[in-house]
Amino acid sequence: MALKPLADRIVIKVIEDTEQTSGGIFIPDSAKEKPQKGEVVAVGEGKTNEKGEKEPLEVKVGDIVLYAKYAGTDVKMDGVEYKILSIKDALAIVE
């Protein structure tokens, strides 16, 4: 089963950063901040403008993006955590 986002939405695979202190202690999940980085795995067709044309999205499959902390809807499929967001919640592409 695949996720196909609609309009100006994107699907990202959440990237969990392994958090470890300089002394080698791993930080437990309960003390971590929510991840805000993910890999784009699917993009919608874009939003329709006033002229009836589709406006392409600035991101493409494979891009790593930073997104707003509490944005989107969480979805778990086959043990993998995904997030469906509106393109306006994608803040930057990591290069």
PDB file of N, CA and C in Angstrom:
ATOM      1  N   MET A   1       0.851  -1.182   0.000  1.00  0.00           N
ATOM      2  CA  MET A   1       0.000   0.000   0.000  1.00  0.00           C
ATOM      3  C   MET A   1       0.893   1.240   0.000  1.00  0.00           C
ATOM      4  N   ALA A   2       0.584   2.186  -0.842  1.00  0.00           N
ATOM      5  CA  ALA A   2       1.373   3.413  -0.949  1.00  0.00           C
ATOM      6  C   ALA A   2       0.511   4.615  -0.594  1.00  0.00           C
ATOM      7  N   LEU A   3       1.157   5.652  -0.107  1.00  0.00           N
ATOM      8  CA  LEU A   3       0.473   6.903   0.210  1.00  0.00           C
ATOM      9  C   LEU A   3       0.669   7.867  -0.944  1.00  0.00           C
ATOM     10  N   LYS A   4      -0.432   8.421  -1.450  1.00  0.00           N
ATOM     11  CA  LYS A   4      -0.361   9.423  -2.511  1.00  0.00           C
ATOM     12  C   LYS A   4      -1.005  10.696  -1.979  1.00  0.00           C
ATOM     13  N   PRO A   5      -0.196  11.719  -1.695  1.00  0.00           N
ATOM     14  CA  PRO A   5      -0.752  12.957  -1.139  1.00  0.00           C
ATOM     15  C   PRO A   5      -1.559  13.734  -2.179  1.00  0.00           C
ATOM     16  N   LEU A   6      -2.533  14.474  -1.702  1.00  0.00           N
ATOM     17  CA  LEU A   6      -3.385  15.268  -2.575  1.00  0.00           C
ATOM     18  C   LEU A   6      -2.949  16.732  -2.563  1.00  0.00           C
ATOM     19  N   ALA A   7      -3.219  17.421  -3.653  1.00  0.00           N
ATOM     20  CA  ALA A   7      -2.997  18.872  -3.793  1.00  0.00           C
ATOM     21  C   ALA A   7      -1.586  19.285  -3.381  1.00  0.00           C
ATOM     22  N   ASP A   8      -1.492  20.173  -2.365  1.00  0.00           N
ATOM     23  CA  ASP A   8      -0.187  20.716  -1.973  1.00  0.00           C
ATOM     24  C   ASP A   8       0.358  20.046  -0.710  1.00  0.00           C
ATOM     25  N   ARG A   9       0.135  18.750  -0.599  1.00  0.00           N
ATOM     26  CA  ARG A   9       0.642  18.005   0.561  1.00  0.00           C
ATOM     27  C   ARG A   9       1.814  17.122   0.156  1.00  0.00           C
ATOM     28  N   ILE A  10       2.640  16.800   1.163  1.00  0.00           N
ATOM     29  CA  ILE A  10       3.768  15.895   0.944  1.00  0.00           C
ATOM     30  C   ILE A  10       3.759  14.819   2.021  1.00  0.00           C
ATOM     31  N   VAL A  11       4.345  13.680   1.705  1.00  0.00           N
ATOM     32  CA  VAL A  11       4.521  12.606   2.681  1.00  0.00           C
ATOM     33  C   VAL A  11       6.012  12.505   2.956  1.00  0.00           C
ATOM     34  N   ILE A  12       6.370  12.520   4.233  1.00  0.00           N
ATOM     35  CA  ILE A  12       7.782  12.380   4.586  1.00  0.00           C
ATOM     36  C   ILE A  12       7.967  11.190   5.508  1.00  0.00           C
ATOM     37  N   LYS A  13       9.138  10.581   5.405  1.00  0.00           N
ATOM     38  CA  LYS A  13       9.550   9.523   6.321  1.00  0.00           C
ATOM     39  C   LYS A  13      10.355  10.221   7.404  1.00  0.00           C
ATOM     40  N   VAL A  14       9.889  10.129   8.631  1.00  0.00           N
ATOM     41  CA  VAL A  14      10.516  10.819   9.749  1.00  0.00           C
ATOM     42  C   VAL A  14      11.906  10.249   9.991  1.00  0.00           C
ATOM     43  N   ILE A  15      12.885  11.141  10.135  1.00  0.00           N
ATOM     44  CA  ILE A  15      14.261  10.739  10.437  1.00  0.00           C
ATOM     45  C   ILE A  15      14.496  10.963  11.918  1.00  0.00           C
ATOM     46  N   GLU A  16      14.726   9.861  12.624  1.00  0.00           N
ATOM     47  CA  GLU A  16      14.998   9.924  14.062  1.00  0.00           C
ATOM     48  C   GLU A  16      16.493  10.096  14.257  1.00  0.00           C
ATOM     49  N   ASP A  17      16.893  11.170  14.900  1.00  0.00           N
ATOM     50  CA  ASP A  17      18.301  11.363  15.235  1.00  0.00           C
ATOM     51  C   ASP A  17      18.598  10.596  16.512  1.00  0.00           C
ATOM     52  N   THR A  18      19.674   9.820  16.504  1.00  0.00           N
ATOM     53  CA  THR A  18      20.097   9.126  17.710  1.00  0.00           C
ATOM     54  C   THR A  18      20.791  10.144  18.591  1.00  0.00           C
ATOM     55  N   GLU A  19      20.187  10.377  19.741  1.00  0.00           N
ATOM     56  CA  GLU A  19      20.742  11.393  20.629  1.00  0.00           C
ATOM     57  C   GLU A  19      21.597  10.740  21.704  1.00  0.00           C
ATOM     58  N   GLN A  20      22.839  11.194  21.766  1.00  0.00           N
ATOM     59  CA  GLN A  20      23.801  10.667  22.712  1.00  0.00           C
ATOM     60  C   GLN A  20      24.617  11.842  23.254  1.00  0.00           C
ATOM     61  N   THR A  21      24.862  11.826  24.539  1.00  0.00           N
ATOM     62  CA  THR A  21      25.668  12.892  25.126  1.00  0.00           C
ATOM     63  C   THR A  21      27.134  12.700  24.766  1.00  0.00           C
ATOM     64  N   SER A  22      27.954  13.708  25.023  1.00  0.00           N
ATOM     65  CA  SER A  22      29.385  13.599  24.728  1.00  0.00           C
ATOM     66  C   SER A  22      30.047  12.516  25.574  1.00  0.00           C
ATOM     67  N   GLY A  23      29.434  12.158  26.685  1.00  0.00           N
ATOM     68  CA  GLY A  23      29.964  11.101  27.552  1.00  0.00           C
ATOM     69  C   GLY A  23      29.527   9.712  27.132  1.00  0.00           C
ATOM     70  N   GLY A  24      28.691   9.619  26.082  1.00  0.00           N
ATOM     71  CA  GLY A  24      28.273   8.320  25.562  1.00  0.00           C
ATOM     72  C   GLY A  24      26.941   7.823  26.085  1.00  0.00           C
ATOM     73  N   ILE A  25      26.222   8.635  26.839  1.00  0.00           N
ATOM     74  CA  ILE A  25      24.927   8.222  27.380  1.00  0.00           C
ATOM     75  C   ILE A  25      23.841   8.516  26.362  1.00  0.00           C
ATOM     76  N   PHE A  26      22.998   7.510  26.083  1.00  0.00           N
ATOM     77  CA  PHE A  26      21.889   7.700  25.156  1.00  0.00           C
ATOM     78  C   PHE A  26      20.720   8.346  25.882  1.00  0.00           C
ATOM     79  N   ILE A  27      20.102   9.326  25.241  1.00  0.00           N
ATOM     80  CA  ILE A  27      18.965  10.043  25.826  1.00  0.00           C
ATOM     81  C   ILE A  27      17.695   9.246  25.539  1.00  0.00           C
ATOM     82  N   PRO A  28      16.883   8.914  26.565  1.00  0.00           N
ATOM     83  CA  PRO A  28      15.671   8.123  26.343  1.00  0.00           C
ATOM     84  C   PRO A  28      14.626   8.898  25.540  1.00  0.00           C
ATOM     85  N   ASP A  29      13.739   8.137  24.876  1.00  0.00           N
ATOM     86  CA  ASP A  29      12.696   8.743  24.047  1.00  0.00           C
ATOM     87  C   ASP A  29      11.851   9.747  24.805  1.00  0.00           C
ATOM     88  N   SER A  30      11.583   9.486  26.069  1.00  0.00           N
ATOM     89  CA  SER A  30      10.727  10.382  26.845  1.00  0.00           C
ATOM     90  C   SER A  30      11.362  11.754  27.059  1.00  0.00           C
ATOM     91  N   ALA A  31      12.680  11.847  26.948  1.00  0.00           N
ATOM     92  CA  ALA A  31      13.365  13.126  27.171  1.00  0.00           C
ATOM     93  C   ALA A  31      13.734  13.826  25.863  1.00  0.00           C
ATOM     94  N   LYS A  32      13.485  13.167  24.736  1.00  0.00           N
ATOM     95  CA  LYS A  32      13.841  13.751  23.436  1.00  0.00           C
ATOM     96  C   LYS A  32      12.785  14.738  22.968  1.00  0.00           C
ATOM     97  N   GLU A  33      13.229  15.684  22.159  1.00  0.00           N
ATOM     98  CA  GLU A  33      12.272  16.555  21.480  1.00  0.00           C
ATOM     99  C   GLU A  33      11.742  15.800  20.271  1.00  0.00           C
ATOM    100  N   LYS A  34      10.569  16.183  19.800  1.00  0.00           N
ATOM    101  CA  LYS A  34      10.007  15.550  18.613  1.00  0.00           C
ATOM    102  C   LYS A  34      10.917  15.812  17.417  1.00  0.00           C
ATOM    103  N   PRO A  35      11.115  14.804  16.557  1.00  0.00           N
ATOM    104  CA  PRO A  35      11.952  15.035  15.377  1.00  0.00           C
ATOM    105  C   PRO A  35      11.296  16.049  14.447  1.00  0.00           C
ATOM    106  N   GLN A  36      12.118  16.810  13.755  1.00  0.00           N
ATOM    107  CA  GLN A  36      11.604  17.827  12.853  1.00  0.00           C
ATOM    108  C   GLN A  36      12.267  17.722  11.489  1.00  0.00           C
ATOM    109  N   LYS A  37      12.765  16.532  11.163  1.00  0.00           N
ATOM    110  CA  LYS A  37      13.457  16.339   9.902  1.00  0.00           C
ATOM    111  C   LYS A  37      12.942  15.054   9.272  1.00  0.00           C
ATOM    112  N   GLY A  38      12.792  15.077   7.934  1.00  0.00           N
ATOM    113  CA  GLY A  38      12.328  13.880   7.263  1.00  0.00           C
ATOM    114  C   GLY A  38      12.674  13.882   5.790  1.00  0.00           C
ATOM    115  N   GLU A  39      12.596  12.688   5.198  1.00  0.00           N
ATOM    116  CA  GLU A  39      12.865  12.526   3.775  1.00  0.00           C
ATOM    117  C   GLU A  39      11.543  12.492   3.023  1.00  0.00           C
ATOM    118  N   VAL A  40      11.433  13.290   1.982  1.00  0.00           N
ATOM    119  CA  VAL A  40      10.216  13.333   1.178  1.00  0.00           C
ATOM    120  C   VAL A  40      10.105  12.025   0.387  1.00  0.00           C
ATOM    121  N   VAL A  41       8.984  11.309   0.564  1.00  0.00           N
ATOM    122  CA  VAL A  41       8.775  10.052  -0.156  1.00  0.00           C
ATOM    123  C   VAL A  41       7.665  10.161  -1.195  1.00  0.00           C
ATOM    124  N   ALA A  42       6.827  11.199  -1.103  1.00  0.00           N
ATOM    125  CA  ALA A  42       5.772  11.410  -2.095  1.00  0.00           C
ATOM    126  C   ALA A  42       5.338  12.868  -2.064  1.00  0.00           C
ATOM    127  N   VAL A  43       4.968  13.402  -3.230  1.00  0.00           N
ATOM    128  CA  VAL A  43       4.483  14.782  -3.334  1.00  0.00           C
ATOM    129  C   VAL A  43       3.168  14.806  -4.106  1.00  0.00           C
ATOM    130  N   GLY A  44       2.288  15.723  -3.712  1.00  0.00           N
ATOM    131  CA  GLY A  44       1.037  15.912  -4.426  1.00  0.00           C
ATOM    132  C   GLY A  44       1.271  16.638  -5.742  1.00  0.00           C
ATOM    133  N   GLU A  45       0.205  16.823  -6.490  1.00  0.00           N
ATOM    134  CA  GLU A  45       0.295  17.465  -7.806  1.00  0.00           C
ATOM    135  C   GLU A  45       0.440  18.975  -7.717  1.00  0.00           C
ATOM    136  N   GLY A  46       0.191  19.544  -6.559  1.00  0.00           N
ATOM    137  CA  GLY A  46       0.264  20.993  -6.398  1.00  0.00           C
ATOM    138  C   GLY A  46      -1.117  21.602  -6.288  1.00  0.00           C
ATOM    139  N   LYS A  47      -1.150  22.814  -5.834  1.00  0.00           N
ATOM    140  CA  LYS A  47      -2.407  23.535  -5.652  1.00  0.00           C
ATOM    141  C   LYS A  47      -2.819  24.185  -6.966  1.00  0.00           C
ATOM    142  N   THR A  48      -4.104  24.263  -7.199  1.00  0.00           N
ATOM    143  CA  THR A  48      -4.612  24.913  -8.398  1.00  0.00           C
ATOM    144  C   THR A  48      -4.709  26.415  -8.153  1.00  0.00           C
ATOM    145  N   ASN A  49      -4.104  27.223  -9.039  1.00  0.00           N
ATOM    146  CA  ASN A  49      -4.140  28.678  -8.860  1.00  0.00           C
ATOM    147  C   ASN A  49      -5.417  29.259  -9.469  1.00  0.00           C
ATOM    148  N   GLU A  50      -5.536  30.580  -9.456  1.00  0.00           N
ATOM    149  CA  GLU A  50      -6.744  31.259  -9.945  1.00  0.00           C
ATOM    150  C   GLU A  50      -6.989  31.040 -11.437  1.00  0.00           C
ATOM    151  N   LYS A  51      -5.930  30.754 -12.189  1.00  0.00           N
ATOM    152  CA  LYS A  51      -6.052  30.513 -13.633  1.00  0.00           C
ATOM    153  C   LYS A  51      -6.404  29.066 -13.959  1.00  0.00           C
ATOM    154  N   GLY A  52      -6.504  28.234 -12.913  1.00  0.00           N
ATOM    155  CA  GLY A  52      -6.826  26.827 -13.122  1.00  0.00           C
ATOM    156  C   GLY A  52      -5.612  25.962 -13.425  1.00  0.00           C
ATOM    157  N   GLU A  53      -4.411  26.530 -13.245  1.00  0.00           N
ATOM    158  CA  GLU A  53      -3.177  25.787 -13.503  1.00  0.00           C
ATOM    159  C   GLU A  53      -2.631  25.222 -12.201  1.00  0.00           C
ATOM    160  N   LYS A  54      -1.978  24.079 -12.275  1.00  0.00           N
ATOM    161  CA  LYS A  54      -1.333  23.484 -11.101  1.00  0.00           C
ATOM    162  C   LYS A  54      -0.001  24.183 -10.854  1.00  0.00           C
ATOM    163  N   GLU A  55       0.217  24.602  -9.621  1.00  0.00           N
ATOM    164  CA  GLU A  55       1.491  25.205  -9.234  1.00  0.00           C
ATOM    165  C   GLU A  55       2.369  24.099  -8.669  1.00  0.00           C
ATOM    166  N   PRO A  56       3.502  23.813  -9.302  1.00  0.00           N
ATOM    167  CA  PRO A  56       4.359  22.723  -8.824  1.00  0.00           C
ATOM    168  C   PRO A  56       4.943  23.029  -7.448  1.00  0.00           C
ATOM    169  N   LEU A  57       5.219  21.977  -6.688  1.00  0.00           N
ATOM    170  CA  LEU A  57       5.796  22.140  -5.360  1.00  0.00           C
ATOM    171  C   LEU A  57       7.307  22.314  -5.459  1.00  0.00           C
ATOM    172  N   GLU A  58       7.886  22.986  -4.461  1.00  0.00           N
ATOM    173  CA  GLU A  58       9.319  23.259  -4.462  1.00  0.00           C
ATOM    174  C   GLU A  58      10.163  22.061  -4.050  1.00  0.00           C
ATOM    175  N   VAL A  59       9.537  21.058  -3.450  1.00  0.00           N
ATOM    176  CA  VAL A  59      10.284  19.884  -3.003  1.00  0.00           C
ATOM    177  C   VAL A  59      10.036  18.722  -3.954  1.00  0.00           C
ATOM    178  N   LYS A  60      10.952  17.763  -3.936  1.00  0.00           N
ATOM    179  CA  LYS A  60      10.804  16.569  -4.767  1.00  0.00           C
ATOM    180  C   LYS A  60      11.136  15.348  -3.924  1.00  0.00           C
ATOM    181  N   VAL A  61      10.769  14.196  -4.399  1.00  0.00           N
ATOM    182  CA  VAL A  61      11.051  12.946  -3.705  1.00  0.00           C
ATOM    183  C   VAL A  61      12.559  12.828  -3.507  1.00  0.00           C
ATOM    184  N   GLY A  62      12.959  12.471  -2.294  1.00  0.00           N
ATOM    185  CA  GLY A  62      14.377  12.326  -1.970  1.00  0.00           C
ATOM    186  C   GLY A  62      14.947  13.502  -1.203  1.00  0.00           C
ATOM    187  N   ASP A  63      14.279  14.661  -1.249  1.00  0.00           N
ATOM    188  CA  ASP A  63      14.744  15.828  -0.490  1.00  0.00           C
ATOM    189  C   ASP A  63      14.603  15.564   1.013  1.00  0.00           C
ATOM    190  N   ILE A  64      15.533  16.113   1.787  1.00  0.00           N
ATOM    191  CA  ILE A  64      15.430  16.101   3.246  1.00  0.00           C
ATOM    192  C   ILE A  64      14.927  17.480   3.646  1.00  0.00           C
ATOM    193  N   VAL A  65      13.830  17.507   4.410  1.00  0.00           N
ATOM    194  CA  VAL A  65      13.228  18.780   4.796  1.00  0.00           C
ATOM    195  C   VAL A  65      13.127  18.908   6.309  1.00  0.00           C
ATOM    196  N   LEU A  66      13.159  20.155   6.756  1.00  0.00           N
ATOM    197  CA  LEU A  66      12.837  20.486   8.137  1.00  0.00           C
ATOM    198  C   LEU A  66      11.397  20.962   8.141  1.00  0.00           C
ATOM    199  N   TYR A  67      10.632  20.565   9.149  1.00  0.00           N
ATOM    200  CA  TYR A  67       9.224  20.954   9.195  1.00  0.00           C
ATOM    201  C   TYR A  67       8.858  21.488  10.572  1.00  0.00           C
ATOM    202  N   ALA A  68       7.738  22.185  10.630  1.00  0.00           N
ATOM    203  CA  ALA A  68       7.260  22.780  11.878  1.00  0.00           C
ATOM    204  C   ALA A  68       7.021  21.688  12.918  1.00  0.00           C
ATOM    205  N   LYS A  69       7.329  21.997  14.171  1.00  0.00           N
ATOM    206  CA  LYS A  69       7.349  21.013  15.252  1.00  0.00           C
ATOM    207  C   LYS A  69       6.065  20.200  15.408  1.00  0.00           C
ATOM    208  N   TYR A  70       4.923  20.831  15.400  1.00  0.00           N
ATOM    209  CA  TYR A  70       3.676  20.100  15.646  1.00  0.00           C
ATOM    210  C   TYR A  70       2.824  19.975  14.385  1.00  0.00           C
ATOM    211  N   ALA A  71       3.442  20.052  13.229  1.00  0.00           N
ATOM    212  CA  ALA A  71       2.721  20.042  11.956  1.00  0.00           C
ATOM    213  C   ALA A  71       2.374  18.621  11.513  1.00  0.00           C
ATOM    214  N   GLY A  72       1.370  18.556  10.678  1.00  0.00           N
ATOM    215  CA  GLY A  72       1.067  17.319   9.977  1.00  0.00           C
ATOM    216  C   GLY A  72       0.318  16.269  10.762  1.00  0.00           C
ATOM    217  N   THR A  73       0.081  15.160  10.073  1.00  0.00           N
ATOM    218  CA  THR A  73      -0.621  14.018  10.631  1.00  0.00           C
ATOM    219  C   THR A  73       0.313  12.820  10.614  1.00  0.00           C
ATOM    220  N   ASP A  74       0.450  12.156  11.753  1.00  0.00           N
ATOM    221  CA  ASP A  74       1.322  10.989  11.846  1.00  0.00           C
ATOM    222  C   ASP A  74       0.607   9.756  11.318  1.00  0.00           C
ATOM    223  N   VAL A  75       1.342   8.953  10.530  1.00  0.00           N
ATOM    224  CA  VAL A  75       0.816   7.707   9.978  1.00  0.00           C
ATOM    225  C   VAL A  75       1.905   6.660  10.127  1.00  0.00           C
ATOM    226  N   LYS A  76       1.529   5.464  10.585  1.00  0.00           N
ATOM    227  CA  LYS A  76       2.504   4.384  10.697  1.00  0.00           C
ATOM    228  C   LYS A  76       2.062   3.249   9.778  1.00  0.00           C
ATOM    229  N   MET A  77       2.957   2.881   8.859  1.00  0.00           N
ATOM    230  CA  MET A  77       2.666   1.785   7.919  1.00  0.00           C
ATOM    231  C   MET A  77       3.842   0.835   7.890  1.00  0.00           C
ATOM    232  N   ASP A  78       3.570  -0.447   8.050  1.00  0.00           N
ATOM    233  CA  ASP A  78       4.615  -1.475   8.024  1.00  0.00           C
ATOM    234  C   ASP A  78       5.754  -1.155   8.986  1.00  0.00           C
ATOM    235  N   GLY A  79       5.436  -0.577  10.137  1.00  0.00           N
ATOM    236  CA  GLY A  79       6.435  -0.279  11.149  1.00  0.00           C
ATOM    237  C   GLY A  79       7.265   0.967  10.891  1.00  0.00           C
ATOM    238  N   VAL A  80       6.945   1.699   9.822  1.00  0.00           N
ATOM    239  CA  VAL A  80       7.683   2.912   9.481  1.00  0.00           C
ATOM    240  C   VAL A  80       6.797   4.119   9.773  1.00  0.00           C
ATOM    241  N   GLU A  81       7.380   5.141  10.406  1.00  0.00           N
ATOM    242  CA  GLU A  81       6.627   6.341  10.765  1.00  0.00           C
ATOM    243  C   GLU A  81       6.713   7.375   9.643  1.00  0.00           C
ATOM    244  N   TYR A  82       5.550   7.794   9.171  1.00  0.00           N
ATOM    245  CA  TYR A  82       5.450   8.823   8.141  1.00  0.00           C
ATOM    246  C   TYR A  82       4.667   9.993   8.693  1.00  0.00           C
ATOM    247  N   LYS A  83       4.771  11.122   8.011  1.00  0.00           N
ATOM    248  CA  LYS A  83       4.013  12.312   8.373  1.00  0.00           C
ATOM    249  C   LYS A  83       3.496  12.919   7.080  1.00  0.00           C
ATOM    250  N   ILE A  84       2.212  13.271   7.078  1.00  0.00           N
ATOM    251  CA  ILE A  84       1.613  13.945   5.925  1.00  0.00           C
ATOM    252  C   ILE A  84       1.471  15.411   6.297  1.00  0.00           C
ATOM    253  N   LEU A  85       2.115  16.287   5.505  1.00  0.00           N
ATOM    254  CA  LEU A  85       2.083  17.715   5.808  1.00  0.00           C
ATOM    255  C   LEU A  85       1.668  18.532   4.610  1.00  0.00           C
ATOM    256  N   SER A  86       1.159  19.699   4.891  1.00  0.00           N
ATOM    257  CA  SER A  86       0.924  20.698   3.860  1.00  0.00           C
ATOM    258  C   SER A  86       2.289  21.297   3.521  1.00  0.00           C
ATOM    259  N   ILE A  87       2.494  21.673   2.298  1.00  0.00           N
ATOM    260  CA  ILE A  87       3.793  22.226   1.881  1.00  0.00           C
ATOM    261  C   ILE A  87       4.159  23.465   2.698  1.00  0.00           C
ATOM    262  N   LYS A  88       3.174  24.212   3.188  1.00  0.00           N
ATOM    263  CA  LYS A  88       3.474  25.417   3.977  1.00  0.00           C
ATOM    264  C   LYS A  88       4.131  25.081   5.311  1.00  0.00           C
ATOM    265  N   ASP A  89       4.021  23.809   5.774  1.00  0.00           N
ATOM    266  CA  ASP A  89       4.662  23.390   7.015  1.00  0.00           C
ATOM    267  C   ASP A  89       6.093  22.914   6.822  1.00  0.00           C
ATOM    268  N   ALA A  90       6.516  22.764   5.559  1.00  0.00           N
ATOM    269  CA  ALA A  90       7.923  22.442   5.275  1.00  0.00           C
ATOM    270  C   ALA A  90       8.687  23.766   5.309  1.00  0.00           C
ATOM    271  N   LEU A  91       9.650  23.854   6.216  1.00  0.00           N
ATOM    272  CA  LEU A  91      10.332  25.119   6.445  1.00  0.00           C
ATOM    273  C   LEU A  91      11.572  25.306   5.582  1.00  0.00           C
ATOM    274  N   ALA A  92      12.296  24.218   5.303  1.00  0.00           N
ATOM    275  CA  ALA A  92      13.540  24.331   4.550  1.00  0.00           C
ATOM    276  C   ALA A  92      13.950  22.974   3.990  1.00  0.00           C
ATOM    277  N   ILE A  93      14.740  23.013   2.919  1.00  0.00           N
ATOM    278  CA  ILE A  93      15.354  21.802   2.374  1.00  0.00           C
ATOM    279  C   ILE A  93      16.781  21.755   2.897  1.00  0.00           C
ATOM    280  N   VAL A  94      17.183  20.612   3.447  1.00  0.00           N
ATOM    281  CA  VAL A  94      18.548  20.443   3.945  1.00  0.00           C
ATOM    282  C   VAL A  94      19.427  20.018   2.790  1.00  0.00           C
ATOM    283  N   GLU A  95      20.486  20.800   2.535  1.00  0.00           N
ATOM    284  CA  GLU A  95      21.390  20.484   1.415  1.00  0.00           C
ATOM    285  C   GLU A  95      22.718  19.981   1.913  1.00  0.00           C
TER     286      GLU A  95
END
